[in-house]
Amino acid sequence: MKIEEVTRLAIPEVTVIRFARFRDHRGFFTEHYRESDLGGHPDLAGLRGVRFCQMNESFSRTGTIRGMHFQWNPYMGKLVRPVFGRLIDLILDIRKGSPTFGKMIAYDLPARLEAESAEWIWVPPGFAHGVLFTEDTLIEYLCSGEWSPGCEAAISPLSLDIDWSLCIPSLKATFDRVAATTERITNKDRLAPGVSAWASDPRSENFRYGLL
């Protein structure tokens, strides 16, 4: 796996990993995951020792909003990439005591077959994860914990008490435009609690800044 660049986002624990494709007249080949390269990279200390034990695939139609999901016991970090299509990845800090608690960031992830490289985004435990799909899109994500149905929760991505101040304005505008009209969001996600309500839930104590 040839890692070309590692970029820390506005919340620095969230990282984007750009990896190379090797092209010729037939198409391209890439190693999109190699444990030793990710765990041994000097700019990816947060991935050192992480074991991915579950791999998921999800297809979503244009205008779908999913999230904001998280779990504990076990905690689940996610390494996400588009196979085809385009998504805006949404990441919300839910670590109580964090200087960015309640703040949302977003990252645009297109899958361009003609590009010389592609990207993963690493969303570590302690963050709620969601996705806005701006095209019909297939995504793949590796998980650092197996699904635990009794230990999962969500915050509504439509919650009015989410702080978007760190988000790129154009991505926030895209989210607002889609959210105003889409029917492609489940009632479970739409009606999930907001940030303040979740912070009052005793289960939120599972996410303490500095302990994850």
N, C-alpha and C. Protein backbone atom coordinates (compact mmCIF):
# COMPACT_ATOMS: atom_id res chain seq x y z
N MET A 1 0.86 -1.19 0.00
CA MET A 1 0.00 0.00 0.00
C MET A 1 0.89 1.24 0.00
N LYS A 2 0.80 2.05 -1.04
CA LYS A 2 1.62 3.25 -1.13
C LYS A 2 0.80 4.44 -0.62
N ILE A 3 1.09 4.87 0.60
CA ILE A 3 0.41 6.02 1.18
C ILE A 3 1.08 7.29 0.67
N GLU A 4 0.31 8.14 0.00
CA GLU A 4 0.86 9.36 -0.57
C GLU A 4 0.79 10.54 0.38
N GLU A 5 -0.29 10.60 1.17
CA GLU A 5 -0.49 11.76 2.04
C GLU A 5 -1.46 11.40 3.15
N VAL A 6 -1.20 11.92 4.33
CA VAL A 6 -2.10 11.81 5.47
C VAL A 6 -2.48 13.22 5.90
N THR A 7 -3.78 13.49 5.95
CA THR A 7 -4.27 14.84 6.28
C THR A 7 -5.12 14.78 7.53
N ARG A 8 -4.81 15.61 8.50
CA ARG A 8 -5.65 15.75 9.69
C ARG A 8 -6.71 16.82 9.41
N LEU A 9 -7.94 16.52 9.78
CA LEU A 9 -9.02 17.46 9.54
C LEU A 9 -9.14 18.45 10.70
N ALA A 10 -10.18 19.27 10.71
CA ALA A 10 -10.32 20.32 11.73
C ALA A 10 -10.38 19.74 13.14
N ILE A 11 -10.89 18.53 13.27
CA ILE A 11 -10.73 17.76 14.51
C ILE A 11 -9.63 16.76 14.21
N PRO A 12 -8.43 16.94 14.77
CA PRO A 12 -7.24 16.26 14.25
C PRO A 12 -7.21 14.75 14.43
N GLU A 13 -8.04 14.21 15.30
CA GLU A 13 -8.07 12.75 15.43
C GLU A 13 -8.67 12.07 14.20
N VAL A 14 -9.41 12.84 13.41
CA VAL A 14 -10.01 12.33 12.17
C VAL A 14 -9.03 12.58 11.04
N THR A 15 -8.66 11.52 10.32
CA THR A 15 -7.62 11.65 9.31
C THR A 15 -8.08 11.09 7.97
N VAL A 16 -7.54 11.68 6.91
CA VAL A 16 -7.77 11.21 5.54
C VAL A 16 -6.46 10.63 5.02
N ILE A 17 -6.56 9.44 4.45
CA ILE A 17 -5.38 8.71 3.98
C ILE A 17 -5.48 8.56 2.47
N ARG A 18 -4.60 9.20 1.75
CA ARG A 18 -4.58 9.09 0.29
C ARG A 18 -3.57 8.01 -0.12
N PHE A 19 -4.02 7.09 -0.96
CA PHE A 19 -3.14 6.00 -1.39
C PHE A 19 -3.12 5.93 -2.92
N ALA A 20 -2.00 5.44 -3.44
CA ALA A 20 -1.74 5.50 -4.88
C ALA A 20 -2.42 4.35 -5.62
N ARG A 21 -2.70 4.62 -6.89
CA ARG A 21 -3.07 3.60 -7.87
C ARG A 21 -1.95 3.48 -8.90
N PHE A 22 -1.78 2.29 -9.42
CA PHE A 22 -0.74 2.05 -10.41
C PHE A 22 -1.42 1.74 -11.74
N ARG A 23 -1.23 2.62 -12.70
CA ARG A 23 -1.99 2.59 -13.95
C ARG A 23 -1.13 2.11 -15.12
N ASP A 24 -1.81 1.48 -16.09
CA ASP A 24 -1.27 1.27 -17.42
C ASP A 24 -2.43 1.31 -18.40
N HIS A 25 -2.21 0.86 -19.63
CA HIS A 25 -3.25 0.98 -20.65
C HIS A 25 -4.47 0.11 -20.36
N ARG A 26 -4.35 -0.85 -19.42
CA ARG A 26 -5.47 -1.74 -19.11
C ARG A 26 -6.39 -1.18 -18.03
N GLY A 27 -5.88 -0.30 -17.19
CA GLY A 27 -6.64 0.19 -16.05
C GLY A 27 -5.71 0.50 -14.90
N PHE A 28 -6.04 0.05 -13.69
CA PHE A 28 -5.15 0.29 -12.56
C PHE A 28 -5.22 -0.86 -11.56
N PHE A 29 -4.20 -0.90 -10.71
CA PHE A 29 -4.15 -1.81 -9.56
C PHE A 29 -3.79 -0.97 -8.34
N THR A 30 -4.36 -1.33 -7.19
CA THR A 30 -3.97 -0.66 -5.96
C THR A 30 -4.10 -1.62 -4.79
N GLU A 31 -3.21 -1.49 -3.84
CA GLU A 31 -3.41 -2.08 -2.51
C GLU A 31 -4.14 -1.02 -1.70
N HIS A 32 -5.42 -1.21 -1.42
CA HIS A 32 -6.14 -0.16 -0.69
C HIS A 32 -6.09 -0.38 0.82
N TYR A 33 -5.54 -1.51 1.25
CA TYR A 33 -5.36 -1.72 2.68
C TYR A 33 -4.20 -2.67 2.91
N ARG A 34 -3.27 -2.26 3.75
CA ARG A 34 -2.23 -3.14 4.24
C ARG A 34 -1.96 -2.76 5.70
N GLU A 35 -2.18 -3.70 6.58
CA GLU A 35 -2.12 -3.42 8.02
C GLU A 35 -0.79 -2.81 8.44
N SER A 36 0.31 -3.36 7.93
CA SER A 36 1.63 -2.90 8.37
C SER A 36 1.90 -1.46 7.91
N ASP A 37 1.41 -1.09 6.73
CA ASP A 37 1.64 0.27 6.25
C ASP A 37 0.83 1.29 7.05
N LEU A 38 -0.41 0.95 7.36
CA LEU A 38 -1.24 1.88 8.13
C LEU A 38 -0.72 1.99 9.56
N GLY A 39 -0.48 0.85 10.19
CA GLY A 39 -0.04 0.87 11.59
C GLY A 39 1.36 1.40 11.78
N GLY A 40 2.19 1.35 10.73
CA GLY A 40 3.56 1.79 10.86
C GLY A 40 3.84 3.18 10.36
N HIS A 41 2.82 3.85 9.81
CA HIS A 41 3.04 5.19 9.25
C HIS A 41 3.21 6.20 10.38
N PRO A 42 4.22 7.07 10.30
CA PRO A 42 4.47 8.02 11.41
C PRO A 42 3.34 9.00 11.67
N ASP A 43 2.51 9.27 10.67
CA ASP A 43 1.40 10.22 10.85
C ASP A 43 0.08 9.54 11.19
N LEU A 44 0.14 8.23 11.44
CA LEU A 44 -1.09 7.49 11.73
C LEU A 44 -0.97 6.76 13.07
N ALA A 45 -0.50 7.50 14.08
CA ALA A 45 -0.35 6.90 15.41
C ALA A 45 -1.67 6.38 15.95
N GLY A 46 -2.78 7.05 15.57
CA GLY A 46 -4.09 6.63 16.05
C GLY A 46 -4.53 5.28 15.52
N LEU A 47 -3.88 4.80 14.47
CA LEU A 47 -4.22 3.50 13.91
C LEU A 47 -3.28 2.39 14.37
N ARG A 48 -2.26 2.77 15.14
CA ARG A 48 -1.29 1.78 15.61
C ARG A 48 -1.97 0.82 16.56
N GLY A 49 -1.90 -0.45 16.26
CA GLY A 49 -2.49 -1.46 17.13
C GLY A 49 -3.97 -1.68 16.91
N VAL A 50 -4.61 -0.91 16.01
CA VAL A 50 -6.03 -1.10 15.72
C VAL A 50 -6.20 -2.39 14.91
N ARG A 51 -7.13 -3.21 15.34
CA ARG A 51 -7.43 -4.45 14.62
C ARG A 51 -8.82 -4.34 14.03
N PHE A 52 -8.90 -4.48 12.73
CA PHE A 52 -10.20 -4.43 12.06
C PHE A 52 -10.78 -5.84 12.01
N CYS A 53 -11.97 -5.98 12.58
CA CYS A 53 -12.56 -7.32 12.74
C CYS A 53 -13.87 -7.48 11.99
N GLN A 54 -14.33 -6.43 11.32
CA GLN A 54 -15.59 -6.52 10.57
C GLN A 54 -15.49 -5.59 9.37
N MET A 55 -15.94 -6.08 8.21
CA MET A 55 -15.95 -5.26 7.00
C MET A 55 -17.38 -5.19 6.47
N ASN A 56 -17.86 -3.98 6.21
CA ASN A 56 -19.23 -3.77 5.76
C ASN A 56 -19.25 -3.10 4.39
N GLU A 57 -20.34 -3.34 3.68
CA GLU A 57 -20.58 -2.70 2.40
C GLU A 57 -22.00 -2.16 2.42
N SER A 58 -22.18 -0.95 1.89
CA SER A 58 -23.50 -0.32 1.92
C SER A 58 -23.72 0.46 0.63
N PHE A 59 -24.91 0.30 0.05
CA PHE A 59 -25.29 1.05 -1.14
C PHE A 59 -26.40 2.01 -0.76
N SER A 60 -26.32 3.25 -1.25
CA SER A 60 -27.33 4.26 -0.95
C SER A 60 -27.64 5.08 -2.19
N ARG A 61 -28.92 5.43 -2.32
CA ARG A 61 -29.37 6.26 -3.43
C ARG A 61 -29.05 7.73 -3.17
N THR A 62 -29.01 8.49 -4.25
CA THR A 62 -28.78 9.94 -4.16
C THR A 62 -29.77 10.57 -3.18
N GLY A 63 -29.26 11.43 -2.31
CA GLY A 63 -30.11 12.13 -1.35
C GLY A 63 -30.32 11.40 -0.05
N THR A 64 -29.71 10.24 0.12
CA THR A 64 -29.83 9.50 1.38
C THR A 64 -28.95 10.14 2.45
N ILE A 65 -29.48 10.23 3.66
CA ILE A 65 -28.71 10.65 4.83
C ILE A 65 -28.75 9.52 5.85
N ARG A 66 -27.60 9.10 6.31
CA ARG A 66 -27.50 8.07 7.34
C ARG A 66 -26.72 8.65 8.53
N GLY A 67 -27.11 8.26 9.75
CA GLY A 67 -26.35 8.69 10.92
C GLY A 67 -27.22 9.50 11.89
N MET A 68 -26.57 9.93 12.93
CA MET A 68 -25.16 9.83 13.31
C MET A 68 -25.00 8.68 14.31
N HIS A 69 -24.29 7.62 13.95
CA HIS A 69 -24.29 6.37 14.71
C HIS A 69 -22.98 6.18 15.47
N PHE A 70 -23.08 5.45 16.58
CA PHE A 70 -21.90 5.11 17.38
C PHE A 70 -22.26 3.95 18.30
N GLN A 71 -21.22 3.28 18.82
CA GLN A 71 -21.46 2.18 19.75
C GLN A 71 -20.30 2.05 20.72
N TRP A 72 -20.53 1.28 21.78
CA TRP A 72 -19.53 0.99 22.79
C TRP A 72 -19.67 -0.48 23.17
N ASN A 73 -18.70 -0.97 23.90
CA ASN A 73 -18.72 -2.36 24.38
C ASN A 73 -19.04 -3.36 23.27
N PRO A 74 -18.21 -3.45 22.23
CA PRO A 74 -16.93 -2.75 22.07
C PRO A 74 -17.11 -1.42 21.32
N TYR A 75 -16.11 -0.54 21.50
CA TYR A 75 -16.08 0.67 20.69
C TYR A 75 -15.80 0.31 19.23
N MET A 76 -16.28 1.15 18.33
CA MET A 76 -16.10 0.89 16.91
C MET A 76 -15.57 2.12 16.19
N GLY A 77 -14.33 2.02 15.71
CA GLY A 77 -13.81 2.99 14.77
C GLY A 77 -14.08 2.51 13.37
N LYS A 78 -14.13 3.43 12.40
CA LYS A 78 -14.48 3.07 11.03
C LYS A 78 -13.49 3.69 10.05
N LEU A 79 -13.04 2.86 9.12
CA LEU A 79 -12.19 3.28 8.01
C LEU A 79 -13.06 3.18 6.76
N VAL A 80 -13.37 4.33 6.15
CA VAL A 80 -14.45 4.42 5.16
C VAL A 80 -13.89 4.89 3.82
N ARG A 81 -14.40 4.27 2.72
CA ARG A 81 -14.06 4.74 1.38
C ARG A 81 -15.21 4.46 0.42
N PRO A 82 -15.37 5.29 -0.61
CA PRO A 82 -16.35 4.99 -1.64
C PRO A 82 -15.76 4.05 -2.69
N VAL A 83 -16.56 3.08 -3.13
CA VAL A 83 -16.15 2.21 -4.22
C VAL A 83 -16.56 2.84 -5.55
N PHE A 84 -17.81 3.33 -5.61
CA PHE A 84 -18.22 4.20 -6.70
C PHE A 84 -19.24 5.20 -6.17
N GLY A 85 -19.37 6.33 -6.86
CA GLY A 85 -20.30 7.36 -6.43
C GLY A 85 -19.60 8.48 -5.69
N ARG A 86 -20.35 9.14 -4.81
CA ARG A 86 -19.80 10.29 -4.06
C ARG A 86 -20.56 10.44 -2.76
N LEU A 87 -19.82 10.72 -1.70
CA LEU A 87 -20.42 10.91 -0.39
C LEU A 87 -19.78 12.09 0.30
N ILE A 88 -20.53 12.65 1.24
CA ILE A 88 -19.98 13.60 2.19
C ILE A 88 -20.00 12.92 3.55
N ASP A 89 -18.82 12.66 4.08
CA ASP A 89 -18.71 11.98 5.36
C ASP A 89 -18.92 12.99 6.49
N LEU A 90 -19.72 12.62 7.48
CA LEU A 90 -20.08 13.50 8.59
C LEU A 90 -19.54 12.92 9.89
N ILE A 91 -18.86 13.73 10.67
CA ILE A 91 -18.22 13.26 11.90
C ILE A 91 -18.53 14.24 13.02
N LEU A 92 -19.10 13.73 14.11
CA LEU A 92 -19.55 14.54 15.25
C LEU A 92 -18.80 14.10 16.50
N ASP A 93 -18.14 15.02 17.17
CA ASP A 93 -17.40 14.70 18.40
C ASP A 93 -18.38 14.51 19.56
N ILE A 94 -18.40 13.30 20.14
CA ILE A 94 -19.28 13.03 21.29
C ILE A 94 -18.48 12.73 22.56
N ARG A 95 -17.20 13.10 22.59
CA ARG A 95 -16.35 12.84 23.76
C ARG A 95 -16.59 13.92 24.81
N LYS A 96 -17.21 13.56 25.90
CA LYS A 96 -17.52 14.54 26.94
C LYS A 96 -16.22 15.11 27.53
N GLY A 97 -16.15 16.42 27.59
CA GLY A 97 -14.94 17.09 28.05
C GLY A 97 -14.00 17.48 26.93
N SER A 98 -14.29 17.07 25.71
CA SER A 98 -13.45 17.42 24.57
C SER A 98 -13.64 18.89 24.22
N PRO A 99 -12.58 19.58 23.79
CA PRO A 99 -12.74 20.98 23.37
C PRO A 99 -13.60 21.13 22.12
N THR A 100 -13.83 20.03 21.40
CA THR A 100 -14.69 20.09 20.21
C THR A 100 -15.96 19.26 20.39
N PHE A 101 -16.35 19.00 21.64
CA PHE A 101 -17.58 18.25 21.88
C PHE A 101 -18.78 18.94 21.21
N GLY A 102 -19.59 18.14 20.51
CA GLY A 102 -20.78 18.68 19.86
C GLY A 102 -20.53 19.34 18.53
N LYS A 103 -19.27 19.36 18.07
CA LYS A 103 -18.95 19.99 16.80
C LYS A 103 -18.93 18.94 15.68
N MET A 104 -19.42 19.33 14.53
CA MET A 104 -19.49 18.49 13.35
C MET A 104 -18.49 18.96 12.30
N ILE A 105 -17.80 17.99 11.68
CA ILE A 105 -17.00 18.29 10.50
C ILE A 105 -17.49 17.39 9.37
N ALA A 106 -17.10 17.73 8.14
CA ALA A 106 -17.53 16.96 6.98
C ALA A 106 -16.38 16.90 5.99
N TYR A 107 -16.39 15.83 5.18
CA TYR A 107 -15.34 15.66 4.17
C TYR A 107 -15.95 15.07 2.91
N ASP A 108 -15.63 15.67 1.78
CA ASP A 108 -16.14 15.24 0.48
C ASP A 108 -15.29 14.09 -0.05
N LEU A 109 -15.93 12.95 -0.34
CA LEU A 109 -15.21 11.76 -0.81
C LEU A 109 -15.81 11.26 -2.13
N PRO A 110 -15.30 11.73 -3.25
CA PRO A 110 -15.76 11.18 -4.53
C PRO A 110 -14.93 9.95 -4.90
N ALA A 111 -15.54 9.01 -5.61
CA ALA A 111 -14.82 7.87 -6.16
C ALA A 111 -14.61 8.15 -7.64
N ARG A 112 -13.40 8.55 -8.01
CA ARG A 112 -13.08 8.88 -9.39
C ARG A 112 -12.19 7.79 -9.97
N LEU A 113 -12.71 7.00 -10.88
CA LEU A 113 -11.94 5.91 -11.46
C LEU A 113 -10.74 6.41 -12.25
N GLU A 114 -10.83 7.63 -12.77
CA GLU A 114 -9.73 8.15 -13.58
C GLU A 114 -8.62 8.77 -12.73
N ALA A 115 -8.84 8.93 -11.43
CA ALA A 115 -7.86 9.58 -10.55
C ALA A 115 -6.65 8.70 -10.33
N GLU A 116 -5.52 9.33 -10.04
CA GLU A 116 -4.28 8.61 -9.79
C GLU A 116 -4.18 8.07 -8.37
N SER A 117 -5.13 8.46 -7.52
CA SER A 117 -5.12 8.01 -6.14
C SER A 117 -6.55 7.94 -5.64
N ALA A 118 -6.72 7.37 -4.45
CA ALA A 118 -8.03 7.29 -3.79
C ALA A 118 -7.81 7.54 -2.31
N GLU A 119 -8.91 7.59 -1.54
CA GLU A 119 -8.79 7.98 -0.13
C GLU A 119 -9.65 7.11 0.79
N TRP A 120 -9.12 6.90 1.97
CA TRP A 120 -9.87 6.43 3.13
C TRP A 120 -10.07 7.62 4.07
N ILE A 121 -11.12 7.57 4.90
CA ILE A 121 -11.22 8.47 6.04
C ILE A 121 -11.34 7.62 7.29
N TRP A 122 -10.54 7.95 8.31
CA TRP A 122 -10.52 7.21 9.57
C TRP A 122 -11.31 7.99 10.61
N VAL A 123 -12.38 7.37 11.10
CA VAL A 123 -13.24 7.95 12.14
C VAL A 123 -13.05 7.10 13.39
N PRO A 124 -12.28 7.57 14.37
CA PRO A 124 -11.97 6.73 15.53
C PRO A 124 -13.13 6.65 16.52
N PRO A 125 -13.05 5.74 17.48
CA PRO A 125 -14.05 5.72 18.55
C PRO A 125 -14.10 7.08 19.26
N GLY A 126 -15.30 7.43 19.72
CA GLY A 126 -15.49 8.73 20.35
C GLY A 126 -16.19 9.73 19.45
N PHE A 127 -16.52 9.28 18.24
CA PHE A 127 -17.19 10.15 17.27
C PHE A 127 -18.42 9.45 16.72
N ALA A 128 -19.49 10.21 16.54
CA ALA A 128 -20.67 9.71 15.84
C ALA A 128 -20.43 9.89 14.35
N HIS A 129 -20.85 8.88 13.57
CA HIS A 129 -20.56 8.88 12.14
C HIS A 129 -21.84 8.88 11.33
N GLY A 130 -21.85 9.70 10.29
CA GLY A 130 -22.98 9.73 9.37
C GLY A 130 -22.49 9.97 7.96
N VAL A 131 -23.39 9.82 7.00
CA VAL A 131 -23.02 10.00 5.60
C VAL A 131 -24.18 10.64 4.85
N LEU A 132 -23.84 11.60 3.99
CA LEU A 132 -24.77 12.17 3.03
C LEU A 132 -24.31 11.74 1.64
N PHE A 133 -25.21 11.14 0.86
CA PHE A 133 -24.87 10.64 -0.46
C PHE A 133 -25.39 11.60 -1.52
N THR A 134 -24.49 12.18 -2.30
CA THR A 134 -24.86 13.13 -3.34
C THR A 134 -25.00 12.45 -4.71
N GLU A 135 -24.67 11.17 -4.78
CA GLU A 135 -24.89 10.33 -5.96
C GLU A 135 -25.25 8.93 -5.46
N ASP A 136 -25.79 8.09 -6.36
CA ASP A 136 -25.89 6.67 -6.03
C ASP A 136 -24.49 6.16 -5.73
N THR A 137 -24.30 5.57 -4.54
CA THR A 137 -22.94 5.32 -4.05
C THR A 137 -22.85 3.99 -3.33
N LEU A 138 -21.75 3.29 -3.59
CA LEU A 138 -21.40 2.09 -2.84
C LEU A 138 -20.19 2.41 -1.97
N ILE A 139 -20.31 2.15 -0.67
CA ILE A 139 -19.17 2.38 0.22
C ILE A 139 -18.75 1.07 0.87
N GLU A 140 -17.49 1.06 1.27
CA GLU A 140 -16.91 -0.04 2.03
C GLU A 140 -16.33 0.55 3.31
N TYR A 141 -16.55 -0.13 4.43
CA TYR A 141 -15.90 0.35 5.64
C TYR A 141 -15.47 -0.79 6.54
N LEU A 142 -14.26 -0.63 7.06
CA LEU A 142 -13.66 -1.58 7.98
C LEU A 142 -13.92 -1.08 9.39
N CYS A 143 -14.29 -1.99 10.29
CA CYS A 143 -14.68 -1.63 11.65
C CYS A 143 -13.73 -2.25 12.66
N SER A 144 -13.39 -1.49 13.68
CA SER A 144 -12.48 -1.97 14.71
C SER A 144 -13.20 -2.68 15.85
N GLY A 145 -14.52 -2.82 15.75
CA GLY A 145 -15.31 -3.59 16.72
C GLY A 145 -16.47 -4.25 16.01
N GLU A 146 -16.86 -5.40 16.48
CA GLU A 146 -18.03 -6.06 15.90
C GLU A 146 -19.31 -5.39 16.39
N TRP A 147 -20.34 -5.48 15.55
CA TRP A 147 -21.62 -4.85 15.89
C TRP A 147 -22.15 -5.39 17.21
N SER A 148 -22.58 -4.46 18.07
CA SER A 148 -23.08 -4.80 19.40
C SER A 148 -24.48 -4.20 19.56
N PRO A 149 -25.53 -4.98 19.26
CA PRO A 149 -26.89 -4.40 19.17
C PRO A 149 -27.40 -3.77 20.46
N GLY A 150 -26.92 -4.21 21.62
CA GLY A 150 -27.39 -3.63 22.87
C GLY A 150 -26.62 -2.40 23.31
N CYS A 151 -25.59 -2.04 22.54
CA CYS A 151 -24.71 -0.94 22.96
C CYS A 151 -24.48 0.03 21.81
N GLU A 152 -25.57 0.44 21.18
CA GLU A 152 -25.47 1.41 20.09
C GLU A 152 -26.48 2.52 20.32
N ALA A 153 -26.19 3.67 19.76
CA ALA A 153 -27.10 4.81 19.89
C ALA A 153 -26.86 5.74 18.70
N ALA A 154 -27.63 6.82 18.66
CA ALA A 154 -27.52 7.77 17.55
C ALA A 154 -27.88 9.16 18.03
N ILE A 155 -27.36 10.14 17.32
CA ILE A 155 -27.77 11.54 17.44
C ILE A 155 -28.30 11.96 16.09
N SER A 156 -29.42 12.64 16.06
CA SER A 156 -30.01 13.04 14.79
C SER A 156 -29.09 14.01 14.05
N PRO A 157 -28.80 13.73 12.78
CA PRO A 157 -28.00 14.70 12.01
C PRO A 157 -28.74 16.01 11.77
N LEU A 158 -30.06 16.01 12.02
CA LEU A 158 -30.86 17.22 11.84
C LEU A 158 -30.98 18.03 13.13
N SER A 159 -30.36 17.56 14.20
CA SER A 159 -30.46 18.24 15.49
C SER A 159 -29.99 19.69 15.40
N LEU A 160 -30.77 20.59 15.97
CA LEU A 160 -30.45 22.01 15.89
C LEU A 160 -29.32 22.41 16.83
N ASP A 161 -28.95 21.55 17.77
CA ASP A 161 -27.87 21.93 18.68
C ASP A 161 -26.51 21.35 18.28
N ILE A 162 -26.40 20.82 17.06
CA ILE A 162 -25.08 20.47 16.53
C ILE A 162 -24.36 21.76 16.15
N ASP A 163 -23.09 21.85 16.50
CA ASP A 163 -22.26 23.01 16.19
C ASP A 163 -21.50 22.72 14.88
N TRP A 164 -21.85 23.43 13.82
CA TRP A 164 -21.24 23.24 12.51
C TRP A 164 -20.12 24.24 12.24
N SER A 165 -19.62 24.93 13.22
CA SER A 165 -18.69 26.03 12.98
C SER A 165 -17.36 25.59 12.39
N LEU A 166 -16.97 24.33 12.57
CA LEU A 166 -15.71 23.84 12.01
C LEU A 166 -15.88 23.26 10.61
N CYS A 167 -17.11 23.16 10.15
CA CYS A 167 -17.40 22.51 8.88
C CYS A 167 -17.13 23.44 7.70
N ILE A 168 -16.62 22.91 6.61
CA ILE A 168 -16.45 23.68 5.38
C ILE A 168 -17.82 24.20 4.94
N PRO A 169 -17.98 25.52 4.76
CA PRO A 169 -19.31 26.09 4.49
C PRO A 169 -20.03 25.47 3.30
N SER A 170 -19.31 25.16 2.23
CA SER A 170 -19.98 24.60 1.06
C SER A 170 -20.56 23.21 1.34
N LEU A 171 -19.89 22.44 2.19
CA LEU A 171 -20.41 21.12 2.54
C LEU A 171 -21.62 21.24 3.47
N LYS A 172 -21.58 22.20 4.38
CA LYS A 172 -22.75 22.46 5.23
C LYS A 172 -23.93 22.90 4.37
N ALA A 173 -23.69 23.74 3.37
CA ALA A 173 -24.77 24.20 2.49
C ALA A 173 -25.37 23.04 1.71
N THR A 174 -24.52 22.12 1.25
CA THR A 174 -25.02 20.94 0.55
C THR A 174 -25.88 20.09 1.47
N PHE A 175 -25.43 19.89 2.70
CA PHE A 175 -26.22 19.13 3.66
C PHE A 175 -27.57 19.79 3.90
N ASP A 176 -27.59 21.09 4.11
CA ASP A 176 -28.84 21.81 4.37
C ASP A 176 -29.81 21.68 3.20
N ARG A 177 -29.28 21.79 1.99
CA ARG A 177 -30.13 21.71 0.80
C ARG A 177 -30.78 20.32 0.70
N VAL A 178 -29.99 19.27 0.89
CA VAL A 178 -30.53 17.91 0.79
C VAL A 178 -31.47 17.62 1.96
N ALA A 179 -31.07 18.00 3.16
CA ALA A 179 -31.87 17.70 4.35
C ALA A 179 -33.23 18.37 4.32
N ALA A 180 -33.35 19.49 3.62
CA ALA A 180 -34.62 20.22 3.57
C ALA A 180 -35.68 19.50 2.76
N THR A 181 -35.27 18.59 1.88
CA THR A 181 -36.24 17.98 0.97
C THR A 181 -36.23 16.46 0.95
N THR A 182 -35.17 15.83 1.44
CA THR A 182 -35.04 14.39 1.24
C THR A 182 -36.03 13.59 2.09
N GLU A 183 -36.49 12.51 1.53
CA GLU A 183 -37.27 11.52 2.28
C GLU A 183 -36.43 10.29 2.56
N ARG A 184 -35.17 10.32 2.13
CA ARG A 184 -34.30 9.16 2.29
C ARG A 184 -33.48 9.26 3.58
N ILE A 185 -34.21 9.32 4.68
CA ILE A 185 -33.64 9.24 6.02
C ILE A 185 -34.65 8.49 6.87
N THR A 186 -34.20 7.55 7.67
CA THR A 186 -35.13 6.77 8.48
C THR A 186 -35.68 7.61 9.62
N ASN A 187 -36.86 7.27 10.08
CA ASN A 187 -37.42 7.95 11.26
C ASN A 187 -36.53 7.73 12.47
N LYS A 188 -35.89 6.57 12.54
CA LYS A 188 -34.98 6.29 13.66
C LYS A 188 -33.86 7.32 13.72
N ASP A 189 -33.31 7.67 12.55
CA ASP A 189 -32.24 8.66 12.52
C ASP A 189 -32.80 10.08 12.67
N ARG A 190 -33.89 10.36 11.99
CA ARG A 190 -34.48 11.70 12.03
C ARG A 190 -34.89 12.09 13.44
N LEU A 191 -35.46 11.13 14.19
CA LEU A 191 -36.03 11.41 15.51
C LEU A 191 -35.09 11.07 16.66
N ALA A 192 -33.85 10.72 16.34
CA ALA A 192 -32.87 10.46 17.41
C ALA A 192 -32.66 11.74 18.22
N PRO A 193 -32.16 11.60 19.45
CA PRO A 193 -31.97 12.79 20.30
C PRO A 193 -30.91 13.73 19.73
N GLY A 194 -30.93 14.95 20.26
CA GLY A 194 -29.90 15.92 19.92
C GLY A 194 -28.68 15.76 20.81
N VAL A 195 -27.72 16.65 20.63
CA VAL A 195 -26.46 16.58 21.39
C VAL A 195 -26.72 16.77 22.88
N SER A 196 -27.51 17.76 23.26
CA SER A 196 -27.75 18.04 24.68
C SER A 196 -28.49 16.90 25.35
N ALA A 197 -29.48 16.35 24.64
CA ALA A 197 -30.22 15.22 25.23
C ALA A 197 -29.31 14.02 25.41
N TRP A 198 -28.45 13.76 24.43
CA TRP A 198 -27.52 12.63 24.57
C TRP A 198 -26.55 12.88 25.73
N ALA A 199 -26.07 14.11 25.89
CA ALA A 199 -25.13 14.41 26.97
C ALA A 199 -25.74 14.18 28.34
N SER A 200 -27.08 14.24 28.44
CA SER A 200 -27.77 14.00 29.71
C SER A 200 -28.06 12.53 29.93
N ASP A 201 -27.84 11.71 28.94
CA ASP A 201 -28.08 10.27 29.03
C ASP A 201 -26.92 9.62 29.76
N PRO A 202 -27.17 8.80 30.79
CA PRO A 202 -26.05 8.18 31.52
C PRO A 202 -25.10 7.39 30.62
N ARG A 203 -25.59 6.87 29.50
CA ARG A 203 -24.74 6.09 28.61
C ARG A 203 -23.65 6.94 27.95
N SER A 204 -23.85 8.26 27.94
CA SER A 204 -22.85 9.13 27.34
C SER A 204 -21.54 9.12 28.11
N GLU A 205 -21.58 8.65 29.36
CA GLU A 205 -20.36 8.56 30.16
C GLU A 205 -19.38 7.53 29.60
N ASN A 206 -19.85 6.70 28.67
CA ASN A 206 -18.93 5.78 28.00
C ASN A 206 -17.96 6.50 27.08
N PHE A 207 -18.23 7.77 26.79
CA PHE A 207 -17.40 8.52 25.85
C PHE A 207 -16.82 9.74 26.56
N ARG A 208 -15.71 9.52 27.24
CA ARG A 208 -15.02 10.57 27.98
C ARG A 208 -13.74 10.92 27.27
N TYR A 209 -13.52 12.21 27.08
CA TYR A 209 -12.31 12.70 26.42
C TYR A 209 -11.06 12.23 27.19
N GLY A 210 -10.11 11.69 26.47
CA GLY A 210 -8.87 11.22 27.08
C GLY A 210 -8.89 9.78 27.51
N LEU A 211 -10.07 9.15 27.48
CA LEU A 211 -10.16 7.75 27.91
C LEU A 211 -10.26 6.79 26.73
N LEU A 212 -10.53 7.31 25.53
CA LEU A 212 -10.65 6.45 24.35
C LEU A 212 -9.36 6.42 23.55
